[in-house]
Amino acid sequence: MTIIHPIAATASDIALALTDNDLSGFSVSPNWTFFPFMSLVSNIVGGLWALGIFVATAAWIIAAFSWVVSKAIHNSTMQQYSGIVFVWIALGMMLLGSAMAIVKFASTQALF
């Protein structure tokens, strides 16, 4: 048997080398100021998020108006499609509105 490293003779020795005490001081957190363009990226993401909310709101209002008009003119096909679009846009707006909470929840979960 050839020993590659004099301290670690087997792969199990390498795997068992780190314990919880060794990792207790290990800490990684986001550094938002490391890159000079991070504020620009943050503004772009925030702007796209706001634009998505505005566009979804406008589409939701148009779908609601189409749904009411289709009911008034007794067009069942138009009512069916505008109702489906109305519901899907409402669900999408819920996701857009809670996007930051979803990201925060997912990023703060302990994986181990």
PDB file of N, CA and C in Angstrom:
ATOM      1  N   MET A   1       0.840  -1.172   0.000  1.00  0.00           N
ATOM      2  CA  MET A   1       0.000   0.000   0.000  1.00  0.00           C
ATOM      3  C   MET A   1       0.888   1.240   0.000  1.00  0.00           C
ATOM      4  N   THR A   2       0.638   2.131  -0.954  1.00  0.00           N
ATOM      5  CA  THR A   2       1.408   3.363  -1.061  1.00  0.00           C
ATOM      6  C   THR A   2       0.664   4.480  -0.347  1.00  0.00           C
ATOM      7  N   ILE A   3       1.330   5.141   0.549  1.00  0.00           N
ATOM      8  CA  ILE A   3       0.723   6.259   1.268  1.00  0.00           C
ATOM      9  C   ILE A   3       1.062   7.534   0.508  1.00  0.00           C
ATOM     10  N   ILE A   4       0.004   8.218   0.048  1.00  0.00           N
ATOM     11  CA  ILE A   4       0.200   9.434  -0.736  1.00  0.00           C
ATOM     12  C   ILE A   4       0.610  10.591   0.166  1.00  0.00           C
ATOM     13  N   HIS A   5      -0.036  10.698   1.282  1.00  0.00           N
ATOM     14  CA  HIS A   5       0.264  11.781   2.230  1.00  0.00           C
ATOM     15  C   HIS A   5       0.527  11.138   3.580  1.00  0.00           C
ATOM     16  N   PRO A   6       1.582  11.520   4.268  1.00  0.00           N
ATOM     17  CA  PRO A   6       1.922  10.837   5.520  1.00  0.00           C
ATOM     18  C   PRO A   6       0.882  11.028   6.627  1.00  0.00           C
ATOM     19  N   ILE A   7       0.091  12.093   6.578  1.00  0.00           N
ATOM     20  CA  ILE A   7      -0.884  12.321   7.649  1.00  0.00           C
ATOM     21  C   ILE A   7      -2.181  11.562   7.379  1.00  0.00           C
ATOM     22  N   ALA A   8      -2.657  11.601   6.144  1.00  0.00           N
ATOM     23  CA  ALA A   8      -3.920  10.952   5.800  1.00  0.00           C
ATOM     24  C   ALA A   8      -3.631   9.692   4.998  1.00  0.00           C
ATOM     25  N   ALA A   9      -3.837   8.537   5.604  1.00  0.00           N
ATOM     26  CA  ALA A   9      -3.515   7.278   4.946  1.00  0.00           C
ATOM     27  C   ALA A   9      -4.656   6.786   4.067  1.00  0.00           C
ATOM     28  N   THR A  10      -5.897   7.050   4.428  1.00  0.00           N
ATOM     29  CA  THR A  10      -7.031   6.558   3.654  1.00  0.00           C
ATOM     30  C   THR A  10      -8.009   7.693   3.379  1.00  0.00           C
ATOM     31  N   ALA A  11      -8.931   7.420   2.468  1.00  0.00           N
ATOM     32  CA  ALA A  11      -9.950   8.424   2.142  1.00  0.00           C
ATOM     33  C   ALA A  11     -10.867   8.679   3.324  1.00  0.00           C
ATOM     34  N   SER A  12     -11.119   7.640   4.137  1.00  0.00           N
ATOM     35  CA  SER A  12     -11.979   7.845   5.306  1.00  0.00           C
ATOM     36  C   SER A  12     -11.300   8.742   6.335  1.00  0.00           C
ATOM     37  N   ASP A  13      -9.974   8.676   6.421  1.00  0.00           N
ATOM     38  CA  ASP A  13      -9.257   9.587   7.319  1.00  0.00           C
ATOM     39  C   ASP A  13      -9.407  11.037   6.865  1.00  0.00           C
ATOM     40  N   ILE A  14      -9.409  11.243   5.554  1.00  0.00           N
ATOM     41  CA  ILE A  14      -9.586  12.603   5.034  1.00  0.00           C
ATOM     42  C   ILE A  14     -11.002  13.087   5.318  1.00  0.00           C
ATOM     43  N   ALA A  15     -11.996  12.218   5.106  1.00  0.00           N
ATOM     44  CA  ALA A  15     -13.383  12.607   5.326  1.00  0.00           C
ATOM     45  C   ALA A  15     -13.658  12.882   6.792  1.00  0.00           C
ATOM     46  N   LEU A  16     -12.992  12.158   7.680  1.00  0.00           N
ATOM     47  CA  LEU A  16     -13.223  12.343   9.104  1.00  0.00           C
ATOM     48  C   LEU A  16     -12.333  13.423   9.709  1.00  0.00           C
ATOM     49  N   ALA A  17     -11.515  14.056   8.886  1.00  0.00           N
ATOM     50  CA  ALA A  17     -10.589  15.053   9.409  1.00  0.00           C
ATOM     51  C   ALA A  17     -11.298  16.310   9.886  1.00  0.00           C
ATOM     52  N   LEU A  18     -12.406  16.688   9.241  1.00  0.00           N
ATOM     53  CA  LEU A  18     -13.145  17.882   9.645  1.00  0.00           C
ATOM     54  C   LEU A  18     -14.252  17.509  10.617  1.00  0.00           C
ATOM     55  N   THR A  19     -14.302  18.198  11.714  1.00  0.00           N
ATOM     56  CA  THR A  19     -15.372  17.992  12.693  1.00  0.00           C
ATOM     57  C   THR A  19     -16.183  19.272  12.810  1.00  0.00           C
ATOM     58  N   ASP A  20     -17.266  19.206  13.592  1.00  0.00           N
ATOM     59  CA  ASP A  20     -18.107  20.383  13.783  1.00  0.00           C
ATOM     60  C   ASP A  20     -17.341  21.519  14.445  1.00  0.00           C
ATOM     61  N   ASN A  21     -16.415  21.199  15.324  1.00  0.00           N
ATOM     62  CA  ASN A  21     -15.632  22.246  15.976  1.00  0.00           C
ATOM     63  C   ASN A  21     -14.746  22.984  14.981  1.00  0.00           C
ATOM     64  N   ASP A  22     -14.270  22.270  13.959  1.00  0.00           N
ATOM     65  CA  ASP A  22     -13.443  22.914  12.942  1.00  0.00           C
ATOM     66  C   ASP A  22     -14.248  23.906  12.106  1.00  0.00           C
ATOM     67  N   LEU A  23     -15.528  23.619  11.904  1.00  0.00           N
ATOM     68  CA  LEU A  23     -16.368  24.456  11.054  1.00  0.00           C
ATOM     69  C   LEU A  23     -17.124  25.530  11.823  1.00  0.00           C
ATOM     70  N   SER A  24     -17.011  25.572  13.136  1.00  0.00           N
ATOM     71  CA  SER A  24     -17.803  26.524  13.921  1.00  0.00           C
ATOM     72  C   SER A  24     -17.415  27.970  13.640  1.00  0.00           C
ATOM     73  N   GLY A  25     -16.169  28.236  13.327  1.00  0.00           N
ATOM     74  CA  GLY A  25     -15.742  29.598  13.044  1.00  0.00           C
ATOM     75  C   GLY A  25     -15.880  29.981  11.577  1.00  0.00           C
ATOM     76  N   PHE A  26     -16.318  29.053  10.743  1.00  0.00           N
ATOM     77  CA  PHE A  26     -16.449  29.299   9.313  1.00  0.00           C
ATOM     78  C   PHE A  26     -17.713  30.098   9.047  1.00  0.00           C
ATOM     79  N   SER A  27     -17.572  31.227   8.409  1.00  0.00           N
ATOM     80  CA  SER A  27     -18.720  32.088   8.156  1.00  0.00           C
ATOM     81  C   SER A  27     -18.566  32.744   6.789  1.00  0.00           C
ATOM     82  N   VAL A  28     -19.595  32.609   5.966  1.00  0.00           N
ATOM     83  CA  VAL A  28     -19.609  33.246   4.658  1.00  0.00           C
ATOM     84  C   VAL A  28     -20.883  34.067   4.561  1.00  0.00           C
ATOM     85  N   SER A  29     -20.746  35.293   4.133  1.00  0.00           N
ATOM     86  CA  SER A  29     -21.918  36.144   3.941  1.00  0.00           C
ATOM     87  C   SER A  29     -21.714  36.968   2.676  1.00  0.00           C
ATOM     88  N   PRO A  30     -22.811  37.433   2.079  1.00  0.00           N
ATOM     89  CA  PRO A  30     -22.679  38.214   0.846  1.00  0.00           C
ATOM     90  C   PRO A  30     -21.935  39.529   1.089  1.00  0.00           C
ATOM     91  N   ASN A  31     -21.063  39.868   0.174  1.00  0.00           N
ATOM     92  CA  ASN A  31     -20.354  41.142   0.225  1.00  0.00           C
ATOM     93  C   ASN A  31     -20.899  42.007  -0.907  1.00  0.00           C
ATOM     94  N   TRP A  32     -21.860  42.845  -0.577  1.00  0.00           N
ATOM     95  CA  TRP A  32     -22.576  43.626  -1.585  1.00  0.00           C
ATOM     96  C   TRP A  32     -21.738  44.762  -2.156  1.00  0.00           C
ATOM     97  N   THR A  33     -20.632  45.093  -1.555  1.00  0.00           N
ATOM     98  CA  THR A  33     -19.827  46.218  -2.031  1.00  0.00           C
ATOM     99  C   THR A  33     -18.516  45.780  -2.678  1.00  0.00           C
ATOM    100  N   PHE A  34     -18.283  44.496  -2.857  1.00  0.00           N
ATOM    101  CA  PHE A  34     -17.018  44.013  -3.410  1.00  0.00           C
ATOM    102  C   PHE A  34     -16.832  44.470  -4.854  1.00  0.00           C
ATOM    103  N   PHE A  35     -17.854  44.272  -5.682  1.00  0.00           N
ATOM    104  CA  PHE A  35     -17.779  44.699  -7.074  1.00  0.00           C
ATOM    105  C   PHE A  35     -18.364  46.103  -7.200  1.00  0.00           C
ATOM    106  N   PRO A  36     -17.735  46.973  -7.979  1.00  0.00           N
ATOM    107  CA  PRO A  36     -18.232  48.348  -8.075  1.00  0.00           C
ATOM    108  C   PRO A  36     -19.565  48.477  -8.813  1.00  0.00           C
ATOM    109  N   PHE A  37     -19.946  47.473  -9.581  1.00  0.00           N
ATOM    110  CA  PHE A  37     -21.181  47.551 -10.353  1.00  0.00           C
ATOM    111  C   PHE A  37     -22.383  46.923  -9.639  1.00  0.00           C
ATOM    112  N   MET A  38     -22.229  46.513  -8.383  1.00  0.00           N
ATOM    113  CA  MET A  38     -23.323  45.841  -7.678  1.00  0.00           C
ATOM    114  C   MET A  38     -24.530  46.755  -7.463  1.00  0.00           C
ATOM    115  N   SER A  39     -24.311  48.038  -7.228  1.00  0.00           N
ATOM    116  CA  SER A  39     -25.451  48.938  -7.052  1.00  0.00           C
ATOM    117  C   SER A  39     -26.221  49.082  -8.363  1.00  0.00           C
ATOM    118  N   LEU A  40     -25.510  49.087  -9.492  1.00  0.00           N
ATOM    119  CA  LEU A  40     -26.175  49.146 -10.789  1.00  0.00           C
ATOM    120  C   LEU A  40     -27.010  47.890 -11.026  1.00  0.00           C
ATOM    121  N   VAL A  41     -26.446  46.726 -10.731  1.00  0.00           N
ATOM    122  CA  VAL A  41     -27.176  45.469 -10.894  1.00  0.00           C
ATOM    123  C   VAL A  41     -28.403  45.446  -9.984  1.00  0.00           C
ATOM    124  N   SER A  42     -28.246  45.918  -8.761  1.00  0.00           N
ATOM    125  CA  SER A  42     -29.366  45.970  -7.830  1.00  0.00           C
ATOM    126  C   SER A  42     -30.470  46.885  -8.352  1.00  0.00           C
ATOM    127  N   ASN A  43     -30.093  48.024  -8.910  1.00  0.00           N
ATOM    128  CA  ASN A  43     -31.085  48.939  -9.475  1.00  0.00           C
ATOM    129  C   ASN A  43     -31.769  48.348 -10.703  1.00  0.00           C
ATOM    130  N   ILE A  44     -31.022  47.639 -11.537  1.00  0.00           N
ATOM    131  CA  ILE A  44     -31.609  47.004 -12.719  1.00  0.00           C
ATOM    132  C   ILE A  44     -32.614  45.937 -12.304  1.00  0.00           C
ATOM    133  N   VAL A  45     -32.243  45.099 -11.343  1.00  0.00           N
ATOM    134  CA  VAL A  45     -33.153  44.046 -10.878  1.00  0.00           C
ATOM    135  C   VAL A  45     -34.406  44.657 -10.256  1.00  0.00           C
ATOM    136  N   GLY A  46     -34.227  45.688  -9.434  1.00  0.00           N
ATOM    137  CA  GLY A  46     -35.378  46.353  -8.835  1.00  0.00           C
ATOM    138  C   GLY A  46     -36.271  47.003  -9.873  1.00  0.00           C
ATOM    139  N   GLY A  47     -35.659  47.599 -10.896  1.00  0.00           N
ATOM    140  CA  GLY A  47     -36.441  48.210 -11.966  1.00  0.00           C
ATOM    141  C   GLY A  47     -37.214  47.187 -12.777  1.00  0.00           C
ATOM    142  N   LEU A  48     -36.572  46.058 -13.090  1.00  0.00           N
ATOM    143  CA  LEU A  48     -37.273  44.998 -13.820  1.00  0.00           C
ATOM    144  C   LEU A  48     -38.401  44.394 -12.990  1.00  0.00           C
ATOM    145  N   TRP A  49     -38.173  44.292 -11.688  1.00  0.00           N
ATOM    146  CA  TRP A  49     -39.208  43.774 -10.796  1.00  0.00           C
ATOM    147  C   TRP A  49     -40.406  44.720 -10.787  1.00  0.00           C
ATOM    148  N   ALA A  50     -40.155  46.019 -10.662  1.00  0.00           N
ATOM    149  CA  ALA A  50     -41.238  47.005 -10.674  1.00  0.00           C
ATOM    150  C   ALA A  50     -41.951  47.018 -12.023  1.00  0.00           C
ATOM    151  N   LEU A  51     -41.184  46.924 -13.119  1.00  0.00           N
ATOM    152  CA  LEU A  51     -41.788  46.875 -14.445  1.00  0.00           C
ATOM    153  C   LEU A  51     -42.683  45.647 -14.589  1.00  0.00           C
ATOM    154  N   GLY A  52     -42.222  44.511 -14.082  1.00  0.00           N
ATOM    155  CA  GLY A  52     -43.040  43.298 -14.124  1.00  0.00           C
ATOM    156  C   GLY A  52     -44.341  43.457 -13.362  1.00  0.00           C
ATOM    157  N   ILE A  53     -44.284  44.116 -12.216  1.00  0.00           N
ATOM    158  CA  ILE A  53     -45.505  44.343 -11.437  1.00  0.00           C
ATOM    159  C   ILE A  53     -46.449  45.273 -12.190  1.00  0.00           C
ATOM    160  N   PHE A  54     -45.911  46.339 -12.801  1.00  0.00           N
ATOM    161  CA  PHE A  54     -46.760  47.267 -13.555  1.00  0.00           C
ATOM    162  C   PHE A  54     -47.401  46.588 -14.761  1.00  0.00           C
ATOM    163  N   VAL A  55     -46.615  45.828 -15.508  1.00  0.00           N
ATOM    164  CA  VAL A  55     -47.141  45.145 -16.694  1.00  0.00           C
ATOM    165  C   VAL A  55     -48.183  44.103 -16.294  1.00  0.00           C
ATOM    166  N   ALA A  56     -47.910  43.359 -15.237  1.00  0.00           N
ATOM    167  CA  ALA A  56     -48.870  42.350 -14.779  1.00  0.00           C
ATOM    168  C   ALA A  56     -50.160  43.006 -14.298  1.00  0.00           C
ATOM    169  N   THR A  57     -50.052  44.146 -13.632  1.00  0.00           N
ATOM    170  CA  THR A  57     -51.249  44.853 -13.178  1.00  0.00           C
ATOM    171  C   THR A  57     -52.068  45.339 -14.366  1.00  0.00           C
ATOM    172  N   ALA A  58     -51.403  45.898 -15.371  1.00  0.00           N
ATOM    173  CA  ALA A  58     -52.121  46.354 -16.565  1.00  0.00           C
ATOM    174  C   ALA A  58     -52.791  45.183 -17.281  1.00  0.00           C
ATOM    175  N   ALA A  59     -52.086  44.078 -17.420  1.00  0.00           N
ATOM    176  CA  ALA A  59     -52.666  42.896 -18.072  1.00  0.00           C
ATOM    177  C   ALA A  59     -53.825  42.338 -17.265  1.00  0.00           C
ATOM    178  N   TRP A  60     -53.721  42.394 -15.937  1.00  0.00           N
ATOM    179  CA  TRP A  60     -54.796  41.902 -15.078  1.00  0.00           C
ATOM    180  C   TRP A  60     -56.044  42.761 -15.235  1.00  0.00           C
ATOM    181  N   ILE A  61     -55.862  44.086 -15.320  1.00  0.00           N
ATOM    182  CA  ILE A  61     -57.001  44.988 -15.514  1.00  0.00           C
ATOM    183  C   ILE A  61     -57.640  44.749 -16.879  1.00  0.00           C
ATOM    184  N   ILE A  62     -56.826  44.560 -17.908  1.00  0.00           N
ATOM    185  CA  ILE A  62     -57.361  44.273 -19.245  1.00  0.00           C
ATOM    186  C   ILE A  62     -58.107  42.945 -19.251  1.00  0.00           C
ATOM    187  N   ALA A  63     -57.570  41.932 -18.583  1.00  0.00           N
ATOM    188  CA  ALA A  63     -58.250  40.633 -18.513  1.00  0.00           C
ATOM    189  C   ALA A  63     -59.568  40.746 -17.758  1.00  0.00           C
ATOM    190  N   ALA A  64     -59.592  41.536 -16.688  1.00  0.00           N
ATOM    191  CA  ALA A  64     -60.837  41.725 -15.936  1.00  0.00           C
ATOM    192  C   ALA A  64     -61.874  42.443 -16.792  1.00  0.00           C
ATOM    193  N   PHE A  65     -61.439  43.475 -17.520  1.00  0.00           N
ATOM    194  CA  PHE A  65     -62.352  44.206 -18.400  1.00  0.00           C
ATOM    195  C   PHE A  65     -62.887  43.284 -19.491  1.00  0.00           C
ATOM    196  N   SER A  66     -62.008  42.465 -20.077  1.00  0.00           N
ATOM    197  CA  SER A  66     -62.439  41.519 -21.113  1.00  0.00           C
ATOM    198  C   SER A  66     -63.416  40.500 -20.558  1.00  0.00           C
ATOM    199  N   TRP A  67     -63.200  40.084 -19.336  1.00  0.00           N
ATOM    200  CA  TRP A  67     -64.090  39.121 -18.702  1.00  0.00           C
ATOM    201  C   TRP A  67     -65.483  39.717 -18.519  1.00  0.00           C
ATOM    202  N   VAL A  68     -65.546  40.972 -18.069  1.00  0.00           N
ATOM    203  CA  VAL A  68     -66.839  41.645 -17.873  1.00  0.00           C
ATOM    204  C   VAL A  68     -67.529  41.875 -19.212  1.00  0.00           C
ATOM    205  N   VAL A  69     -66.777  42.330 -20.214  1.00  0.00           N
ATOM    206  CA  VAL A  69     -67.364  42.577 -21.535  1.00  0.00           C
ATOM    207  C   VAL A  69     -67.868  41.277 -22.143  1.00  0.00           C
ATOM    208  N   SER A  70     -67.112  40.196 -22.015  1.00  0.00           N
ATOM    209  CA  SER A  70     -67.546  38.917 -22.580  1.00  0.00           C
ATOM    210  C   SER A  70     -68.803  38.404 -21.889  1.00  0.00           C
ATOM    211  N   LYS A  71     -68.946  38.710 -20.616  1.00  0.00           N
ATOM    212  CA  LYS A  71     -70.176  38.328 -19.907  1.00  0.00           C
ATOM    213  C   LYS A  71     -71.352  39.151 -20.422  1.00  0.00           C
ATOM    214  N   ALA A  72     -71.110  40.439 -20.688  1.00  0.00           N
ATOM    215  CA  ALA A  72     -72.182  41.326 -21.150  1.00  0.00           C
ATOM    216  C   ALA A  72     -72.642  40.978 -22.560  1.00  0.00           C
ATOM    217  N   ILE A  73     -71.716  40.557 -23.424  1.00  0.00           N
ATOM    218  CA  ILE A  73     -72.107  40.243 -24.805  1.00  0.00           C
ATOM    219  C   ILE A  73     -72.401  38.755 -24.992  1.00  0.00           C
ATOM    220  N   HIS A  74     -72.390  38.007 -23.917  1.00  0.00           N
ATOM    221  CA  HIS A  74     -72.723  36.572 -23.923  1.00  0.00           C
ATOM    222  C   HIS A  74     -71.811  35.764 -24.849  1.00  0.00           C
ATOM    223  N   ASN A  75     -70.524  36.039 -24.774  1.00  0.00           N
ATOM    224  CA  ASN A  75     -69.539  35.302 -25.555  1.00  0.00           C
ATOM    225  C   ASN A  75     -68.815  34.344 -24.605  1.00  0.00           C
ATOM    226  N   SER A  76     -69.236  33.094 -24.602  1.00  0.00           N
ATOM    227  CA  SER A  76     -68.702  32.135 -23.631  1.00  0.00           C
ATOM    228  C   SER A  76     -67.232  31.799 -23.882  1.00  0.00           C
ATOM    229  N   THR A  77     -66.814  31.752 -25.132  1.00  0.00           N
ATOM    230  CA  THR A  77     -65.416  31.439 -25.427  1.00  0.00           C
ATOM    231  C   THR A  77     -64.494  32.547 -24.930  1.00  0.00           C
ATOM    232  N   MET A  78     -64.862  33.790 -25.194  1.00  0.00           N
ATOM    233  CA  MET A  78     -64.063  34.920 -24.717  1.00  0.00           C
ATOM    234  C   MET A  78     -64.060  34.963 -23.195  1.00  0.00           C
ATOM    235  N   GLN A  79     -65.202  34.647 -22.600  1.00  0.00           N
ATOM    236  CA  GLN A  79     -65.290  34.649 -21.140  1.00  0.00           C
ATOM    237  C   GLN A  79     -64.395  33.565 -20.548  1.00  0.00           C
ATOM    238  N   GLN A  80     -64.368  32.419 -21.178  1.00  0.00           N
ATOM    239  CA  GLN A  80     -63.533  31.325 -20.689  1.00  0.00           C
ATOM    240  C   GLN A  80     -62.054  31.709 -20.720  1.00  0.00           C
ATOM    241  N   TYR A  81     -61.580  32.206 -21.861  1.00  0.00           N
ATOM    242  CA  TYR A  81     -60.164  32.547 -21.984  1.00  0.00           C
ATOM    243  C   TYR A  81     -59.771  33.736 -21.122  1.00  0.00           C
ATOM    244  N   SER A  82     -60.605  34.765 -21.078  1.00  0.00           N
ATOM    245  CA  SER A  82     -60.258  35.927 -20.255  1.00  0.00           C
ATOM    246  C   SER A  82     -60.298  35.572 -18.774  1.00  0.00           C
ATOM    247  N   GLY A  83     -61.179  34.668 -18.374  1.00  0.00           N
ATOM    248  CA  GLY A  83     -61.210  34.216 -16.979  1.00  0.00           C
ATOM    249  C   GLY A  83     -59.966  33.436 -16.608  1.00  0.00           C
ATOM    250  N   ILE A  84     -59.518  32.572 -17.512  1.00  0.00           N
ATOM    251  CA  ILE A  84     -58.296  31.803 -17.262  1.00  0.00           C
ATOM    252  C   ILE A  84     -57.088  32.738 -17.177  1.00  0.00           C
ATOM    253  N   VAL A  85     -57.003  33.696 -18.098  1.00  0.00           N
ATOM    254  CA  VAL A  85     -55.900  34.663 -18.081  1.00  0.00           C
ATOM    255  C   VAL A  85     -55.945  35.487 -16.800  1.00  0.00           C
ATOM    256  N   PHE A  86     -57.140  35.885 -16.381  1.00  0.00           N
ATOM    257  CA  PHE A  86     -57.313  36.667 -15.154  1.00  0.00           C
ATOM    258  C   PHE A  86     -56.754  35.913 -13.945  1.00  0.00           C
ATOM    259  N   VAL A  87     -57.078  34.642 -13.836  1.00  0.00           N
ATOM    260  CA  VAL A  87     -56.621  33.839 -12.695  1.00  0.00           C
ATOM    261  C   VAL A  87     -55.108  33.626 -12.752  1.00  0.00           C
ATOM    262  N   TRP A  88     -54.560  33.296 -13.929  1.00  0.00           N
ATOM    263  CA  TRP A  88     -53.121  33.063 -14.039  1.00  0.00           C
ATOM    264  C   TRP A  88     -52.314  34.333 -13.774  1.00  0.00           C
ATOM    265  N   ILE A  89     -52.815  35.465 -14.236  1.00  0.00           N
ATOM    266  CA  ILE A  89     -52.111  36.720 -13.957  1.00  0.00           C
ATOM    267  C   ILE A  89     -52.172  37.038 -12.471  1.00  0.00           C
ATOM    268  N   ALA A  90     -53.302  36.753 -11.833  1.00  0.00           N
ATOM    269  CA  ALA A  90     -53.400  36.974 -10.384  1.00  0.00           C
ATOM    270  C   ALA A  90     -52.379  36.116  -9.638  1.00  0.00           C
ATOM    271  N   LEU A  91     -52.229  34.863 -10.039  1.00  0.00           N
ATOM    272  CA  LEU A  91     -51.222  33.997  -9.412  1.00  0.00           C
ATOM    273  C   LEU A  91     -49.806  34.510  -9.677  1.00  0.00           C
ATOM    274  N   GLY A  92     -49.550  34.968 -10.896  1.00  0.00           N
ATOM    275  CA  GLY A  92     -48.241  35.528 -11.213  1.00  0.00           C
ATOM    276  C   GLY A  92     -47.942  36.783 -10.419  1.00  0.00           C
ATOM    277  N   MET A  93     -48.958  37.611 -10.207  1.00  0.00           N
ATOM    278  CA  MET A  93     -48.762  38.825  -9.413  1.00  0.00           C
ATOM    279  C   MET A  93     -48.485  38.483  -7.956  1.00  0.00           C
ATOM    280  N   MET A  94     -49.097  37.418  -7.462  1.00  0.00           N
ATOM    281  CA  MET A  94     -48.798  36.981  -6.096  1.00  0.00           C
ATOM    282  C   MET A  94     -47.333  36.567  -5.970  1.00  0.00           C
ATOM    283  N   LEU A  95     -46.836  35.857  -6.973  1.00  0.00           N
ATOM    284  CA  LEU A  95     -45.422  35.460  -6.962  1.00  0.00           C
ATOM    285  C   LEU A  95     -44.497  36.666  -7.099  1.00  0.00           C
ATOM    286  N   LEU A  96     -44.851  37.604  -7.978  1.00  0.00           N
ATOM    287  CA  LEU A  96     -44.033  38.812  -8.130  1.00  0.00           C
ATOM    288  C   LEU A  96     -44.009  39.633  -6.848  1.00  0.00           C
ATOM    289  N   GLY A  97     -45.162  39.769  -6.222  1.00  0.00           N
ATOM    290  CA  GLY A  97     -45.240  40.568  -5.006  1.00  0.00           C
ATOM    291  C   GLY A  97     -44.485  39.958  -3.842  1.00  0.00           C
ATOM    292  N   SER A  98     -44.443  38.642  -3.799  1.00  0.00           N
ATOM    293  CA  SER A  98     -43.769  37.976  -2.680  1.00  0.00           C
ATOM    294  C   SER A  98     -42.393  37.436  -3.069  1.00  0.00           C
ATOM    295  N   ALA A  99     -41.845  37.887  -4.173  1.00  0.00           N
ATOM    296  CA  ALA A  99     -40.559  37.365  -4.656  1.00  0.00           C
ATOM    297  C   ALA A  99     -39.444  37.575  -3.646  1.00  0.00           C
ATOM    298  N   MET A 100     -39.384  38.744  -3.034  1.00  0.00           N
ATOM    299  CA  MET A 100     -38.307  39.014  -2.081  1.00  0.00           C
ATOM    300  C   MET A 100     -38.431  38.118  -0.853  1.00  0.00           C
ATOM    301  N   ALA A 101     -39.655  37.899  -0.380  1.00  0.00           N
ATOM    302  CA  ALA A 101     -39.846  37.019   0.775  1.00  0.00           C
ATOM    303  C   ALA A 101     -39.480  35.579   0.431  1.00  0.00           C
ATOM    304  N   ILE A 102     -39.800  35.140  -0.782  1.00  0.00           N
ATOM    305  CA  ILE A 102     -39.461  33.780  -1.207  1.00  0.00           C
ATOM    306  C   ILE A 102     -37.941  33.611  -1.290  1.00  0.00           C
ATOM    307  N   VAL A 103     -37.256  34.597  -1.866  1.00  0.00           N
ATOM    308  CA  VAL A 103     -35.793  34.528  -1.968  1.00  0.00           C
ATOM    309  C   VAL A 103     -35.161  34.550  -0.586  1.00  0.00           C
ATOM    310  N   LYS A 104     -35.656  35.414   0.294  1.00  0.00           N
ATOM    311  CA  LYS A 104     -35.097  35.491   1.648  1.00  0.00           C
ATOM    312  C   LYS A 104     -35.312  34.177   2.394  1.00  0.00           C
ATOM    313  N   PHE A 105     -36.506  33.594   2.274  1.00  0.00           N
ATOM    314  CA  PHE A 105     -36.785  32.325   2.938  1.00  0.00           C
ATOM    315  C   PHE A 105     -35.861  31.229   2.416  1.00  0.00           C
ATOM    316  N   ALA A 106     -35.715  31.139   1.092  1.00  0.00           N
ATOM    317  CA  ALA A 106     -34.894  30.079   0.508  1.00  0.00           C
ATOM    318  C   ALA A 106     -33.415  30.262   0.819  1.00  0.00           C
ATOM    319  N   SER A 107     -32.963  31.499   0.917  1.00  0.00           N
ATOM    320  CA  SER A 107     -31.534  31.722   1.137  1.00  0.00           C
ATOM    321  C   SER A 107     -31.121  31.612   2.598  1.00  0.00           C
ATOM    322  N   THR A 108     -32.061  31.626   3.517  1.00  0.00           N
ATOM    323  CA  THR A 108     -31.703  31.529   4.935  1.00  0.00           C
ATOM    324  C   THR A 108     -31.941  30.145   5.513  1.00  0.00           C
ATOM    325  N   GLN A 109     -32.288  29.173   4.683  1.00  0.00           N
ATOM    326  CA  GLN A 109     -32.509  27.820   5.176  1.00  0.00           C
ATOM    327  C   GLN A 109     -31.176  27.126   5.429  1.00  0.00           C
ATOM    328  N   ALA A 110     -31.095  26.466   6.561  1.00  0.00           N
ATOM    329  CA  ALA A 110     -29.888  25.701   6.886  1.00  0.00           C
ATOM    330  C   ALA A 110     -29.900  24.409   6.077  1.00  0.00           C
ATOM    331  N   LEU A 111     -28.864  24.196   5.307  1.00  0.00           N
ATOM    332  CA  LEU A 111     -28.811  23.008   4.462  1.00  0.00           C
ATOM    333  C   LEU A 111     -28.286  21.791   5.202  1.00  0.00           C
ATOM    334  N   PHE A 112     -27.503  21.986   6.241  1.00  0.00           N
ATOM    335  CA  PHE A 112     -26.919  20.852   6.955  1.00  0.00           C
ATOM    336  C   PHE A 112     -27.217  20.970   8.423  1.00  0.00           C
TER     337      PHE A 112
END
